[in-house]
Amino acid sequence: MAHCKANMASYKKPKVVMVVKEFPLNSTGKIAKKVLRQELEASV
């Protein structure tokens, strides 16, 4: 986050950084963004 604060405009900085071991995938092999959002909401 320190790197982002020093090198990015304030509107581009991420509000939260979540580290995951692997991304959940949908049936076509794409990242399941909906599942990631649900996991983030559950952890906050």
Foldseek 3Di string as FASTA:
>chain_A
DVCCVVPHDPVPDDPDDDDDPDFDADPVGHGPVVVVVVVVVVVD
